[in-house]
PDB file of N, CA and C in Angstrom:
ATOM      1  N   MET A   1     178.530 205.545  48.802  1.00  0.00           N
ATOM      2  CA  MET A   1     179.437 206.426  49.534  1.00  0.00           C
ATOM      3  C   MET A   1     179.018 206.487  50.992  1.00  0.00           C
ATOM      4  N   ARG A   2     179.953 206.255  51.888  1.00  0.00           N
ATOM      5  CA  ARG A   2     179.694 206.300  53.320  1.00  0.00           C
ATOM      6  C   ARG A   2     179.794 207.722  53.835  1.00  0.00           C
ATOM      7  N   PRO A   3     178.838 208.131  54.667  1.00  0.00           N
ATOM      8  CA  PRO A   3     178.940 209.483  55.222  1.00  0.00           C
ATOM      9  C   PRO A   3     180.139 209.596  56.163  1.00  0.00           C
ATOM     10  N   SER A   4     180.730 210.752  56.173  1.00  0.00           N
ATOM     11  CA  SER A   4     181.918 210.996  56.976  1.00  0.00           C
ATOM     12  C   SER A   4     181.566 211.290  58.428  1.00  0.00           C
ATOM     13  N   ALA A   5     182.442 210.889  59.339  1.00  0.00           N
ATOM     14  CA  ALA A   5     182.253 211.186  60.761  1.00  0.00           C
ATOM     15  C   ALA A   5     182.309 212.681  61.016  1.00  0.00           C
ATOM     16  N   LYS A   6     182.951 213.430  60.105  1.00  0.00           N
ATOM     17  CA  LYS A   6     182.993 214.886  60.238  1.00  0.00           C
ATOM     18  C   LYS A   6     181.591 215.472  60.189  1.00  0.00           C
ATOM     19  N   ILE A   7     180.729 214.831  59.443  1.00  0.00           N
ATOM     20  CA  ILE A   7     179.362 215.329  59.276  1.00  0.00           C
ATOM     21  C   ILE A   7     178.401 214.623  60.227  1.00  0.00           C
ATOM     22  N   VAL A   8     178.535 213.320  60.349  1.00  0.00           N
ATOM     23  CA  VAL A   8     177.557 212.520  61.095  1.00  0.00           C
ATOM     24  C   VAL A   8     177.537 212.865  62.582  1.00  0.00           C
ATOM     25  N   THR A   9     178.686 212.969  63.218  1.00  0.00           N
ATOM     26  CA  THR A   9     178.693 213.188  64.671  1.00  0.00           C
ATOM     27  C   THR A   9     178.059 214.512  65.079  1.00  0.00           C
ATOM     28  N   PRO A  10     178.413 215.645  64.455  1.00  0.00           N
ATOM     29  CA  PRO A  10     177.720 216.866  64.867  1.00  0.00           C
ATOM     30  C   PRO A  10     176.246 216.878  64.471  1.00  0.00           C
ATOM     31  N   VAL A  11     175.913 216.235  63.352  1.00  0.00           N
ATOM     32  CA  VAL A  11     174.512 216.198  62.927  1.00  0.00           C
ATOM     33  C   VAL A  11     173.680 215.390  63.923  1.00  0.00           C
ATOM     34  N   VAL A  12     174.195 214.277  64.389  1.00  0.00           N
ATOM     35  CA  VAL A  12     173.474 213.468  65.383  1.00  0.00           C
ATOM     36  C   VAL A  12     173.238 214.286  66.647  1.00  0.00           C
ATOM     37  N   LEU A  13     174.266 214.978  67.109  1.00  0.00           N
ATOM     38  CA  LEU A  13     174.135 215.795  68.317  1.00  0.00           C
ATOM     39  C   LEU A  13     173.137 216.935  68.110  1.00  0.00           C
ATOM     40  N   LEU A  14     173.223 217.621  66.987  1.00  0.00           N
ATOM     41  CA  LEU A  14     172.312 218.741  66.723  1.00  0.00           C
ATOM     42  C   LEU A  14     170.873 218.280  66.527  1.00  0.00           C
ATOM     43  N   VAL A  15     170.668 217.177  65.851  1.00  0.00           N
ATOM     44  CA  VAL A  15     169.307 216.662  65.643  1.00  0.00           C
ATOM     45  C   VAL A  15     168.690 216.262  66.981  1.00  0.00           C
ATOM     46  N   SER A  16     169.460 215.625  67.835  1.00  0.00           N
ATOM     47  CA  SER A  16     168.969 215.248  69.161  1.00  0.00           C
ATOM     48  C   SER A  16     168.618 216.493  69.974  1.00  0.00           C
ATOM     49  N   TRP A  17     169.463 217.497  69.916  1.00  0.00           N
ATOM     50  CA  TRP A  17     169.239 218.749  70.640  1.00  0.00           C
ATOM     51  C   TRP A  17     167.991 219.463  70.108  1.00  0.00           C
ATOM     52  N   LEU A  18     167.865 219.547  68.790  1.00  0.00           N
ATOM     53  CA  LEU A  18     166.690 220.189  68.187  1.00  0.00           C
ATOM     54  C   LEU A  18     165.418 219.396  68.473  1.00  0.00           C
ATOM     55  N   PHE A  19     165.517 218.072  68.488  1.00  0.00           N
ATOM     56  CA  PHE A  19     164.370 217.238  68.838  1.00  0.00           C
ATOM     57  C   PHE A  19     163.919 217.527  70.266  1.00  0.00           C
ATOM     58  N   SER A  20     164.879 217.701  71.173  1.00  0.00           N
ATOM     59  CA  SER A  20     164.551 218.019  72.560  1.00  0.00           C
ATOM     60  C   SER A  20     163.808 219.346  72.656  1.00  0.00           C
ATOM     61  N   LEU A  21     164.262 220.335  71.907  1.00  0.00           N
ATOM     62  CA  LEU A  21     163.570 221.634  71.890  1.00  0.00           C
ATOM     63  C   LEU A  21     162.169 221.496  71.298  1.00  0.00           C
ATOM     64  N   PHE A  22     162.052 220.747  70.207  1.00  0.00           N
ATOM     65  CA  PHE A  22     160.757 220.554  69.563  1.00  0.00           C
ATOM     66  C   PHE A  22     159.759 219.890  70.505  1.00  0.00           C
ATOM     67  N   VAL A  23     160.208 218.857  71.202  1.00  0.00           N
ATOM     68  CA  VAL A  23     159.309 218.154  72.125  1.00  0.00           C
ATOM     69  C   VAL A  23     158.833 219.106  73.211  1.00  0.00           C
ATOM     70  N   PHE A  24     159.737 219.900  73.758  1.00  0.00           N
ATOM     71  CA  PHE A  24     159.353 220.817  74.825  1.00  0.00           C
ATOM     72  C   PHE A  24     158.323 221.835  74.336  1.00  0.00           C
ATOM     73  N   TRP A  25     158.580 222.473  73.228  1.00  0.00           N
ATOM     74  CA  TRP A  25     157.722 223.577  72.781  1.00  0.00           C
ATOM     75  C   TRP A  25     156.468 223.130  72.048  1.00  0.00           C
ATOM     76  N   CYS A  26     156.475 221.922  71.494  1.00  0.00           N
ATOM     77  CA  CYS A  26     155.338 221.519  70.663  1.00  0.00           C
ATOM     78  C   CYS A  26     154.530 220.338  71.200  1.00  0.00           C
ATOM     79  N   LEU A  27     155.098 219.514  72.051  1.00  0.00           N
ATOM     80  CA  LEU A  27     154.395 218.288  72.402  1.00  0.00           C
ATOM     81  C   LEU A  27     154.001 218.143  73.863  1.00  0.00           C
ATOM     82  N   ILE A  28     154.728 218.747  74.782  1.00  0.00           N
ATOM     83  CA  ILE A  28     154.405 218.511  76.190  1.00  0.00           C
ATOM     84  C   ILE A  28     153.529 219.624  76.745  1.00  0.00           C
ATOM     85  N   GLY A  29     152.834 219.288  77.817  1.00  0.00           N
ATOM     86  CA  GLY A  29     152.033 220.261  78.539  1.00  0.00           C
ATOM     87  C   GLY A  29     152.666 220.563  79.881  1.00  0.00           C
ATOM     88  N   PRO A  30     152.074 221.469  80.641  1.00  0.00           N
ATOM     89  CA  PRO A  30     152.641 221.839  81.941  1.00  0.00           C
ATOM     90  C   PRO A  30     152.778 220.659  82.906  1.00  0.00           C
ATOM     91  N   ALA A  31     151.894 219.691  82.819  1.00  0.00           N
ATOM     92  CA  ALA A  31     151.951 218.543  83.733  1.00  0.00           C
ATOM     93  C   ALA A  31     153.086 217.579  83.377  1.00  0.00           C
ATOM     94  N   ASP A  32     153.648 217.720  82.189  1.00  0.00           N
ATOM     95  CA  ASP A  32     154.697 216.809  81.725  1.00  0.00           C
ATOM     96  C   ASP A  32     156.104 217.337  81.963  1.00  0.00           C
ATOM     97  N   ALA A  33     156.240 218.459  82.629  1.00  0.00           N
ATOM     98  CA  ALA A  33     157.537 219.123  82.744  1.00  0.00           C
ATOM     99  C   ALA A  33     158.576 218.270  83.473  1.00  0.00           C
ATOM    100  N   LEU A  34     158.208 217.645  84.564  1.00  0.00           N
ATOM    101  CA  LEU A  34     159.168 216.834  85.314  1.00  0.00           C
ATOM    102  C   LEU A  34     159.624 215.635  84.487  1.00  0.00           C
ATOM    103  N   GLY A  35     158.694 214.978  83.842  1.00  0.00           N
ATOM    104  CA  GLY A  35     159.055 213.848  82.985  1.00  0.00           C
ATOM    105  C   GLY A  35     159.971 214.265  81.849  1.00  0.00           C
ATOM    106  N   TYR A  36     159.677 215.419  81.263  1.00  0.00           N
ATOM    107  CA  TYR A  36     160.530 215.943  80.193  1.00  0.00           C
ATOM    108  C   TYR A  36     161.944 216.176  80.721  1.00  0.00           C
ATOM    109  N   ALA A  37     162.049 216.840  81.871  1.00  0.00           N
ATOM    110  CA  ALA A  37     163.367 217.154  82.425  1.00  0.00           C
ATOM    111  C   ALA A  37     164.164 215.884  82.690  1.00  0.00           C
ATOM    112  N   ILE A  38     163.539 214.878  83.268  1.00  0.00           N
ATOM    113  CA  ILE A  38     164.240 213.632  83.562  1.00  0.00           C
ATOM    114  C   ILE A  38     164.642 212.923  82.277  1.00  0.00           C
ATOM    115  N   LEU A  39     163.715 212.832  81.345  1.00  0.00           N
ATOM    116  CA  LEU A  39     163.971 212.106  80.105  1.00  0.00           C
ATOM    117  C   LEU A  39     165.026 212.779  79.235  1.00  0.00           C
ATOM    118  N   PHE A  40     164.928 214.093  79.090  1.00  0.00           N
ATOM    119  CA  PHE A  40     165.811 214.781  78.154  1.00  0.00           C
ATOM    120  C   PHE A  40     167.068 215.344  78.807  1.00  0.00           C
ATOM    121  N   PHE A  41     166.959 215.960  79.977  1.00  0.00           N
ATOM    122  CA  PHE A  41     168.136 216.561  80.618  1.00  0.00           C
ATOM    123  C   PHE A  41     169.074 215.518  81.203  1.00  0.00           C
ATOM    124  N   TYR A  42     168.525 214.408  81.691  1.00  0.00           N
ATOM    125  CA  TYR A  42     169.345 213.395  82.340  1.00  0.00           C
ATOM    126  C   TYR A  42     169.359 212.073  81.587  1.00  0.00           C
ATOM    127  N   GLY A  43     168.702 212.008  80.449  1.00  0.00           N
ATOM    128  CA  GLY A  43     168.646 210.781  79.672  1.00  0.00           C
ATOM    129  C   GLY A  43     169.184 210.973  78.271  1.00  0.00           C
ATOM    130  N   LEU A  44     168.339 211.492  77.396  1.00  0.00           N
ATOM    131  CA  LEU A  44     168.676 211.573  75.976  1.00  0.00           C
ATOM    132  C   LEU A  44     169.907 212.426  75.699  1.00  0.00           C
ATOM    133  N   MET A  45     169.942 213.641  76.204  1.00  0.00           N
ATOM    134  CA  MET A  45     171.071 214.517  75.876  1.00  0.00           C
ATOM    135  C   MET A  45     172.399 214.015  76.445  1.00  0.00           C
ATOM    136  N   PRO A  46     172.473 213.610  77.711  1.00  0.00           N
ATOM    137  CA  PRO A  46     173.763 213.083  78.170  1.00  0.00           C
ATOM    138  C   PRO A  46     174.222 211.840  77.403  1.00  0.00           C
ATOM    139  N   LEU A  47     173.283 210.958  77.062  1.00  0.00           N
ATOM    140  CA  LEU A  47     173.661 209.774  76.290  1.00  0.00           C
ATOM    141  C   LEU A  47     174.122 210.139  74.882  1.00  0.00           C
ATOM    142  N   THR A  48     173.456 211.101  74.276  1.00  0.00           N
ATOM    143  CA  THR A  48     173.865 211.547  72.949  1.00  0.00           C
ATOM    144  C   THR A  48     175.226 212.227  73.005  1.00  0.00           C
ATOM    145  N   ILE A  49     175.424 213.068  73.997  1.00  0.00           N
ATOM    146  CA  ILE A  49     176.719 213.741  74.141  1.00  0.00           C
ATOM    147  C   ILE A  49     177.819 212.712  74.399  1.00  0.00           C
ATOM    148  N   LEU A  50     177.548 211.749  75.259  1.00  0.00           N
ATOM    149  CA  LEU A  50     178.526 210.710  75.557  1.00  0.00           C
ATOM    150  C   LEU A  50     178.866 209.914  74.297  1.00  0.00           C
ATOM    151  N   GLY A  51     177.850 209.491  73.563  1.00  0.00           N
ATOM    152  CA  GLY A  51     178.074 208.681  72.364  1.00  0.00           C
ATOM    153  C   GLY A  51     178.783 209.421  71.249  1.00  0.00           C
ATOM    154  N   THR A  52     178.369 210.644  70.984  1.00  0.00           N
ATOM    155  CA  THR A  52     179.023 211.396  69.909  1.00  0.00           C
ATOM    156  C   THR A  52     180.447 211.783  70.306  1.00  0.00           C
ATOM    157  N   SER A  53     180.659 212.113  71.572  1.00  0.00           N
ATOM    158  CA  SER A  53     182.015 212.446  72.022  1.00  0.00           C
ATOM    159  C   SER A  53     182.913 211.221  71.971  1.00  0.00           C
ATOM    160  N   LEU A  54     182.364 210.056  72.310  1.00  0.00           N
ATOM    161  CA  LEU A  54     183.122 208.816  72.203  1.00  0.00           C
ATOM    162  C   LEU A  54     183.522 208.573  70.751  1.00  0.00           C
ATOM    163  N   ALA A  55     182.594 208.778  69.834  1.00  0.00           N
ATOM    164  CA  ALA A  55     182.888 208.582  68.411  1.00  0.00           C
ATOM    165  C   ALA A  55     183.943 209.569  67.927  1.00  0.00           C
ATOM    166  N   VAL A  56     183.854 210.813  68.365  1.00  0.00           N
ATOM    167  CA  VAL A  56     184.843 211.808  67.946  1.00  0.00           C
ATOM    168  C   VAL A  56     186.213 211.470  68.535  1.00  0.00           C
ATOM    169  N   GLY A  57     186.259 211.025  69.792  1.00  0.00           N
ATOM    170  CA  GLY A  57     187.533 210.632  70.388  1.00  0.00           C
ATOM    171  C   GLY A  57     188.138 209.412  69.717  1.00  0.00           C
ATOM    172  N   LEU A  58     187.297 208.500  69.306  1.00  0.00           N
ATOM    173  CA  LEU A  58     187.763 207.269  68.667  1.00  0.00           C
ATOM    174  C   LEU A  58     188.202 207.507  67.221  1.00  0.00           C
ATOM    175  N   LEU A  59     187.416 208.255  66.479  1.00  0.00           N
ATOM    176  CA  LEU A  59     187.665 208.428  65.050  1.00  0.00           C
ATOM    177  C   LEU A  59     188.531 209.638  64.715  1.00  0.00           C
ATOM    178  N   ARG A  60     188.560 210.627  65.612  1.00  0.00           N
ATOM    179  CA  ARG A  60     189.309 211.871  65.398  1.00  0.00           C
ATOM    180  C   ARG A  60     189.071 212.451  63.998  1.00  0.00           C
ATOM    181  N   PRO A  61     187.811 212.744  63.662  1.00  0.00           N
ATOM    182  CA  PRO A  61     187.518 213.209  62.310  1.00  0.00           C
ATOM    183  C   PRO A  61     188.097 214.589  61.990  1.00  0.00           C
ATOM    184  N   TYR A  62     188.383 215.381  63.014  1.00  0.00           N
ATOM    185  CA  TYR A  62     188.908 216.729  62.788  1.00  0.00           C
ATOM    186  C   TYR A  62     190.378 216.840  63.165  1.00  0.00           C
ATOM    187  N   GLY A  63     191.054 215.737  63.349  1.00  0.00           N
ATOM    188  CA  GLY A  63     192.456 215.758  63.738  1.00  0.00           C
ATOM    189  C   GLY A  63     192.612 216.312  65.146  1.00  0.00           C
ATOM    190  N   LYS A  64     193.595 217.186  65.329  1.00  0.00           N
ATOM    191  CA  LYS A  64     193.825 217.776  66.650  1.00  0.00           C
ATOM    192  C   LYS A  64     192.687 218.696  67.071  1.00  0.00           C
ATOM    193  N   MET A  65     191.911 219.176  66.142  1.00  0.00           N
ATOM    194  CA  MET A  65     190.781 220.062  66.446  1.00  0.00           C
ATOM    195  C   MET A  65     189.584 219.289  67.005  1.00  0.00           C
ATOM    196  N   SER A  66     189.659 217.968  67.021  1.00  0.00           N
ATOM    197  CA  SER A  66     188.559 217.155  67.535  1.00  0.00           C
ATOM    198  C   SER A  66     188.260 217.453  68.994  1.00  0.00           C
ATOM    199  N   LEU A  67     189.244 217.916  69.731  1.00  0.00           N
ATOM    200  CA  LEU A  67     189.053 218.245  71.140  1.00  0.00           C
ATOM    201  C   LEU A  67     188.039 219.378  71.322  1.00  0.00           C
ATOM    202  N   LEU A  68     187.850 220.194  70.299  1.00  0.00           N
ATOM    203  CA  LEU A  68     186.876 221.289  70.383  1.00  0.00           C
ATOM    204  C   LEU A  68     185.435 220.793  70.429  1.00  0.00           C
ATOM    205  N   PHE A  69     185.238 219.506  70.159  1.00  0.00           N
ATOM    206  CA  PHE A  69     183.894 218.936  70.245  1.00  0.00           C
ATOM    207  C   PHE A  69     183.389 218.950  71.682  1.00  0.00           C
ATOM    208  N   VAL A  70     184.299 218.828  72.656  1.00  0.00           N
ATOM    209  CA  VAL A  70     183.917 218.808  74.074  1.00  0.00           C
ATOM    210  C   VAL A  70     183.256 220.125  74.484  1.00  0.00           C
ATOM    211  N   PRO A  71     183.873 221.289  74.254  1.00  0.00           N
ATOM    212  CA  PRO A  71     183.180 222.523  74.636  1.00  0.00           C
ATOM    213  C   PRO A  71     181.931 222.797  73.804  1.00  0.00           C
ATOM    214  N   ALA A  72     181.923 222.364  72.549  1.00  0.00           N
ATOM    215  CA  ALA A  72     180.725 222.566  71.726  1.00  0.00           C
ATOM    216  C   ALA A  72     179.546 221.778  72.290  1.00  0.00           C
ATOM    217  N   ALA A  73     179.792 220.542  72.681  1.00  0.00           N
ATOM    218  CA  ALA A  73     178.730 219.732  73.290  1.00  0.00           C
ATOM    219  C   ALA A  73     178.304 220.322  74.624  1.00  0.00           C
ATOM    220  N   ALA A  74     179.254 220.862  75.374  1.00  0.00           N
ATOM    221  CA  ALA A  74     178.931 221.480  76.671  1.00  0.00           C
ATOM    222  C   ALA A  74     178.042 222.703  76.488  1.00  0.00           C
ATOM    223  N   VAL A  75     178.299 223.485  75.460  1.00  0.00           N
ATOM    224  CA  VAL A  75     177.467 224.666  75.193  1.00  0.00           C
ATOM    225  C   VAL A  75     176.047 224.237  74.839  1.00  0.00           C
ATOM    226  N   LEU A  76     175.897 223.203  74.036  1.00  0.00           N
ATOM    227  CA  LEU A  76     174.555 222.716  73.719  1.00  0.00           C
ATOM    228  C   LEU A  76     173.848 222.203  74.966  1.00  0.00           C
ATOM    229  N   ALA A  77     174.592 221.538  75.847  1.00  0.00           N
ATOM    230  CA  ALA A  77     174.002 221.056  77.100  1.00  0.00           C
ATOM    231  C   ALA A  77     173.564 222.225  77.979  1.00  0.00           C
ATOM    232  N   MET A  78     174.285 223.323  77.936  1.00  0.00           N
ATOM    233  CA  MET A  78     173.922 224.490  78.731  1.00  0.00           C
ATOM    234  C   MET A  78     172.725 225.226  78.117  1.00  0.00           C
ATOM    235  N   LEU A  79     172.666 225.266  76.810  1.00  0.00           N
ATOM    236  CA  LEU A  79     171.581 226.002  76.151  1.00  0.00           C
ATOM    237  C   LEU A  79     170.231 225.291  76.235  1.00  0.00           C
ATOM    238  N   LEU A  80     170.237 223.964  76.359  1.00  0.00           N
ATOM    239  CA  LEU A  80     168.965 223.234  76.380  1.00  0.00           C
ATOM    240  C   LEU A  80     168.051 223.662  77.528  1.00  0.00           C
ATOM    241  N   PRO A  81     168.493 223.667  78.788  1.00  0.00           N
ATOM    242  CA  PRO A  81     167.579 224.119  79.843  1.00  0.00           C
ATOM    243  C   PRO A  81     167.237 225.605  79.736  1.00  0.00           C
ATOM    244  N   TRP A  82     168.157 226.377  79.195  1.00  0.00           N
ATOM    245  CA  TRP A  82     167.913 227.813  79.071  1.00  0.00           C
ATOM    246  C   TRP A  82     166.864 228.105  77.996  1.00  0.00           C
ATOM    247  N   LEU A  83     166.904 227.341  76.901  1.00  0.00           N
ATOM    248  CA  LEU A  83     165.943 227.556  75.813  1.00  0.00           C
ATOM    249  C   LEU A  83     164.622 226.833  76.030  1.00  0.00           C
ATOM    250  N   THR A  84     164.504 226.107  77.129  1.00  0.00           N
ATOM    251  CA  THR A  84     163.239 225.445  77.433  1.00  0.00           C
ATOM    252  C   THR A  84     162.624 226.081  78.682  1.00  0.00           C
ATOM    253  N   PHE A  85     163.004 225.616  79.851  1.00  0.00           N
ATOM    254  CA  PHE A  85     162.377 226.085  81.086  1.00  0.00           C
ATOM    255  C   PHE A  85     162.636 227.558  81.378  1.00  0.00           C
ATOM    256  N   SER A  86     163.860 228.024  81.186  1.00  0.00           N
ATOM    257  CA  SER A  86     164.163 229.430  81.472  1.00  0.00           C
ATOM    258  C   SER A  86     163.439 230.358  80.501  1.00  0.00           C
ATOM    259  N   LEU A  87     163.394 229.979  79.234  1.00  0.00           N
ATOM    260  CA  LEU A  87     162.686 230.808  78.262  1.00  0.00           C
ATOM    261  C   LEU A  87     161.182 230.788  78.509  1.00  0.00           C
ATOM    262  N   ALA A  88     160.635 229.644  78.877  1.00  0.00           N
ATOM    263  CA  ALA A  88     159.206 229.577  79.205  1.00  0.00           C
ATOM    264  C   ALA A  88     158.894 230.465  80.410  1.00  0.00           C
ATOM    265  N   ASN A  89     159.776 230.469  81.403  1.00  0.00           N
ATOM    266  CA  ASN A  89     159.614 231.322  82.564  1.00  0.00           C
ATOM    267  C   ASN A  89     159.700 232.794  82.176  1.00  0.00           C
ATOM    268  N   THR A  90     160.609 233.123  81.293  1.00  0.00           N
ATOM    269  CA  THR A  90     160.749 234.502  80.823  1.00  0.00           C
ATOM    270  C   THR A  90     159.503 234.941  80.063  1.00  0.00           C
ATOM    271  N   LEU A  91     158.999 234.092  79.204  1.00  0.00           N
ATOM    272  CA  LEU A  91     157.810 234.438  78.426  1.00  0.00           C
ATOM    273  C   LEU A  91     156.565 234.556  79.298  1.00  0.00           C
ATOM    274  N   THR A  92     156.495 233.760  80.355  1.00  0.00           N
ATOM    275  CA  THR A  92     155.327 233.772  81.232  1.00  0.00           C
ATOM    276  C   THR A  92     155.357 234.926  82.228  1.00  0.00           C
ATOM    277  N   PHE A  93     156.494 235.104  82.882  1.00  0.00           N
ATOM    278  CA  PHE A  93     156.572 236.058  83.984  1.00  0.00           C
ATOM    279  C   PHE A  93     157.422 237.289  83.691  1.00  0.00           C
ATOM    280  N   GLY A  94     158.145 237.286  82.603  1.00  0.00           N
ATOM    281  CA  GLY A  94     158.973 238.429  82.263  1.00  0.00           C
ATOM    282  C   GLY A  94     160.325 238.449  82.959  1.00  0.00           C
ATOM    283  N   ASN A  95     160.664 237.385  83.686  1.00  0.00           N
ATOM    284  CA  ASN A  95     161.971 237.306  84.351  1.00  0.00           C
ATOM    285  C   ASN A  95     163.004 236.808  83.357  1.00  0.00           C
ATOM    286  N   LEU A  96     164.078 237.532  83.205  1.00  0.00           N
ATOM    287  CA  LEU A  96     165.153 237.062  82.341  1.00  0.00           C
ATOM    288  C   LEU A  96     166.113 236.238  83.191  1.00  0.00           C
ATOM    289  N   ASN A  97     166.187 234.965  82.922  1.00  0.00           N
ATOM    290  CA  ASN A  97     167.035 234.056  83.691  1.00  0.00           C
ATOM    291  C   ASN A  97     168.403 233.939  83.039  1.00  0.00           C
ATOM    292  N   PRO A  98     169.463 233.951  83.837  1.00  0.00           N
ATOM    293  CA  PRO A  98     170.804 233.798  83.269  1.00  0.00           C
ATOM    294  C   PRO A  98     171.072 232.343  82.885  1.00  0.00           C
ATOM    295  N   LEU A  99     172.100 232.157  82.087  1.00  0.00           N
ATOM    296  CA  LEU A  99     172.527 230.805  81.744  1.00  0.00           C
ATOM    297  C   LEU A  99     173.040 230.108  82.990  1.00  0.00           C
ATOM    298  N   ASP A 100     172.859 228.799  83.042  1.00  0.00           N
ATOM    299  CA  ASP A 100     173.257 228.023  84.208  1.00  0.00           C
ATOM    300  C   ASP A 100     174.630 227.393  83.970  1.00  0.00           C
ATOM    301  N   PRO A 101     175.664 227.853  84.686  1.00  0.00           N
ATOM    302  CA  PRO A 101     176.993 227.275  84.464  1.00  0.00           C
ATOM    303  C   PRO A 101     177.098 225.820  84.916  1.00  0.00           C
ATOM    304  N   VAL A 102     176.211 225.373  85.801  1.00  0.00           N
ATOM    305  CA  VAL A 102     176.249 223.979  86.243  1.00  0.00           C
ATOM    306  C   VAL A 102     175.963 223.041  85.073  1.00  0.00           C
ATOM    307  N   SER A 103     175.013 223.404  84.219  1.00  0.00           N
ATOM    308  CA  SER A 103     174.719 222.551  83.070  1.00  0.00           C
ATOM    309  C   SER A 103     175.873 222.567  82.064  1.00  0.00           C
ATOM    310  N   LEU A 104     176.622 223.669  82.002  1.00  0.00           N
ATOM    311  CA  LEU A 104     177.807 223.721  81.149  1.00  0.00           C
ATOM    312  C   LEU A 104     178.864 222.746  81.671  1.00  0.00           C
ATOM    313  N   VAL A 105     179.094 222.753  82.963  1.00  0.00           N
ATOM    314  CA  VAL A 105     180.080 221.854  83.565  1.00  0.00           C
ATOM    315  C   VAL A 105     179.631 220.397  83.416  1.00  0.00           C
ATOM    316  N   PHE A 106     178.332 220.136  83.636  1.00  0.00           N
ATOM    317  CA  PHE A 106     177.803 218.781  83.486  1.00  0.00           C
ATOM    318  C   PHE A 106     177.998 218.294  82.047  1.00  0.00           C
ATOM    319  N   GLY A 107     177.649 219.121  81.074  1.00  0.00           N
ATOM    320  CA  GLY A 107     177.820 218.743  79.674  1.00  0.00           C
ATOM    321  C   GLY A 107     179.281 218.531  79.313  1.00  0.00           C
ATOM    322  N   ALA A 108     180.148 219.392  79.833  1.00  0.00           N
ATOM    323  CA  ALA A 108     181.579 219.245  79.561  1.00  0.00           C
ATOM    324  C   ALA A 108     182.126 217.964  80.180  1.00  0.00           C
ATOM    325  N   ALA A 109     181.672 217.640  81.389  1.00  0.00           N
ATOM    326  CA  ALA A 109     182.150 216.430  82.056  1.00  0.00           C
ATOM    327  C   ALA A 109     181.717 215.177  81.287  1.00  0.00           C
ATOM    328  N   VAL A 110     180.456 215.141  80.882  1.00  0.00           N
ATOM    329  CA  VAL A 110     179.961 213.973  80.124  1.00  0.00           C
ATOM    330  C   VAL A 110     180.707 213.851  78.803  1.00  0.00           C
ATOM    331  N   SER A 111     180.887 214.971  78.116  1.00  0.00           N
ATOM    332  CA  SER A 111     181.587 214.956  76.839  1.00  0.00           C
ATOM    333  C   SER A 111     183.048 214.568  77.009  1.00  0.00           C
ATOM    334  N   ALA A 112     183.693 215.074  78.047  1.00  0.00           N
ATOM    335  CA  ALA A 112     185.100 214.737  78.286  1.00  0.00           C
ATOM    336  C   ALA A 112     185.273 213.257  78.600  1.00  0.00           C
ATOM    337  N   VAL A 113     184.335 212.671  79.340  1.00  0.00           N
ATOM    338  CA  VAL A 113     184.404 211.236  79.628  1.00  0.00           C
ATOM    339  C   VAL A 113     184.289 210.441  78.329  1.00  0.00           C
ATOM    340  N   GLY A 114     183.310 210.787  77.494  1.00  0.00           N
ATOM    341  CA  GLY A 114     183.161 210.087  76.217  1.00  0.00           C
ATOM    342  C   GLY A 114     184.376 210.256  75.327  1.00  0.00           C
ATOM    343  N   PHE A 115     184.872 211.476  75.242  1.00  0.00           N
ATOM    344  CA  PHE A 115     186.053 211.748  74.416  1.00  0.00           C
ATOM    345  C   PHE A 115     187.264 210.995  74.956  1.00  0.00           C
ATOM    346  N   GLY A 116     187.416 210.972  76.271  1.00  0.00           N
ATOM    347  CA  GLY A 116     188.546 210.261  76.878  1.00  0.00           C
ATOM    348  C   GLY A 116     188.486 208.762  76.637  1.00  0.00           C
ATOM    349  N   ILE A 117     187.302 208.190  76.765  1.00  0.00           N
ATOM    350  CA  ILE A 117     187.158 206.753  76.493  1.00  0.00           C
ATOM    351  C   ILE A 117     187.475 206.460  75.031  1.00  0.00           C
ATOM    352  N   GLY A 118     186.948 207.279  74.131  1.00  0.00           N
ATOM    353  CA  GLY A 118     187.234 207.087  72.710  1.00  0.00           C
ATOM    354  C   GLY A 118     188.707 207.229  72.394  1.00  0.00           C
ATOM    355  N   THR A 119     189.355 208.197  73.009  1.00  0.00           N
ATOM    356  CA  THR A 119     190.792 208.386  72.800  1.00  0.00           C
ATOM    357  C   THR A 119     191.583 207.213  73.355  1.00  0.00           C
ATOM    358  N   GLY A 120     191.173 206.717  74.525  1.00  0.00           N
ATOM    359  CA  GLY A 120     191.848 205.559  75.112  1.00  0.00           C
ATOM    360  C   GLY A 120     191.711 204.318  74.262  1.00  0.00           C
ATOM    361  N   VAL A 121     190.521 204.065  73.749  1.00  0.00           N
ATOM    362  CA  VAL A 121     190.302 202.906  72.877  1.00  0.00           C
ATOM    363  C   VAL A 121     191.118 203.050  71.605  1.00  0.00           C
ATOM    364  N   ARG A 122     191.170 204.249  71.072  1.00  0.00           N
ATOM    365  CA  ARG A 122     191.961 204.504  69.861  1.00  0.00           C
ATOM    366  C   ARG A 122     193.441 204.220  70.124  1.00  0.00           C
ATOM    367  N   ALA A 123     193.945 204.671  71.267  1.00  0.00           N
ATOM    368  CA  ALA A 123     195.352 204.437  71.607  1.00  0.00           C
ATOM    369  C   ALA A 123     195.637 202.948  71.787  1.00  0.00           C
ATOM    370  N   LEU A 124     194.717 202.236  72.436  1.00  0.00           N
ATOM    371  CA  LEU A 124     194.899 200.792  72.612  1.00  0.00           C
ATOM    372  C   LEU A 124     194.889 200.053  71.277  1.00  0.00           C
ATOM    373  N   ARG A 125     194.005 200.459  70.396  1.00  0.00           N
ATOM    374  CA  ARG A 125     193.933 199.808  69.085  1.00  0.00           C
ATOM    375  C   ARG A 125     195.204 200.060  68.274  1.00  0.00           C
ATOM    376  N   GLN A 126     195.739 201.263  68.367  1.00  0.00           N
ATOM    377  CA  GLN A 126     196.958 201.574  67.608  1.00  0.00           C
ATOM    378  C   GLN A 126     198.171 200.870  68.218  1.00  0.00           C
ATOM    379  N   ARG A 127     198.152 200.676  69.516  1.00  0.00           N
ATOM    380  CA  ARG A 127     199.252 200.024  70.207  1.00  0.00           C
ATOM    381  C   ARG A 127     199.334 198.536  69.861  1.00  0.00           C
ATOM    382  N   HIS A 128     198.184 197.929  69.599  1.00  0.00           N
ATOM    383  CA  HIS A 128     198.137 196.493  69.316  1.00  0.00           C
ATOM    384  C   HIS A 128     198.237 196.174  67.829  1.00  0.00           C
ATOM    385  N   LYS A 129     198.493 197.166  67.014  1.00  0.00           N
ATOM    386  CA  LYS A 129     198.655 196.895  65.575  1.00  0.00           C
ATOM    387  C   LYS A 129     200.074 196.545  65.248  1.00  0.00           C
TER     388      LYS A 129
END
């Protein structure tokens, strides 16, 4: 039995997101913060969001509700810096940092590009059948 895209795409995104949190809280030290930010904030998470959004746009596993994957991915992109650097800052200094809307927009833009490409490829494939 093949796993369904309804399950695989969100699981891939969530596992990648949880892995990013795990690496930050359990594996890196203070000297590794810049490398972590570059690798995960601008590497792994955007690529994962792009790939899963492309798959959702191409396969449309949720029908018309598939478009809701874009804001869901954007929320995860916004929560990642908040649950890592902002939370570490809060725990260290007691400053409560607000959520960063720029990371929400960045995540939404990356997800929308992936979803749009997947939707375009899907339309082209259906047109040539």
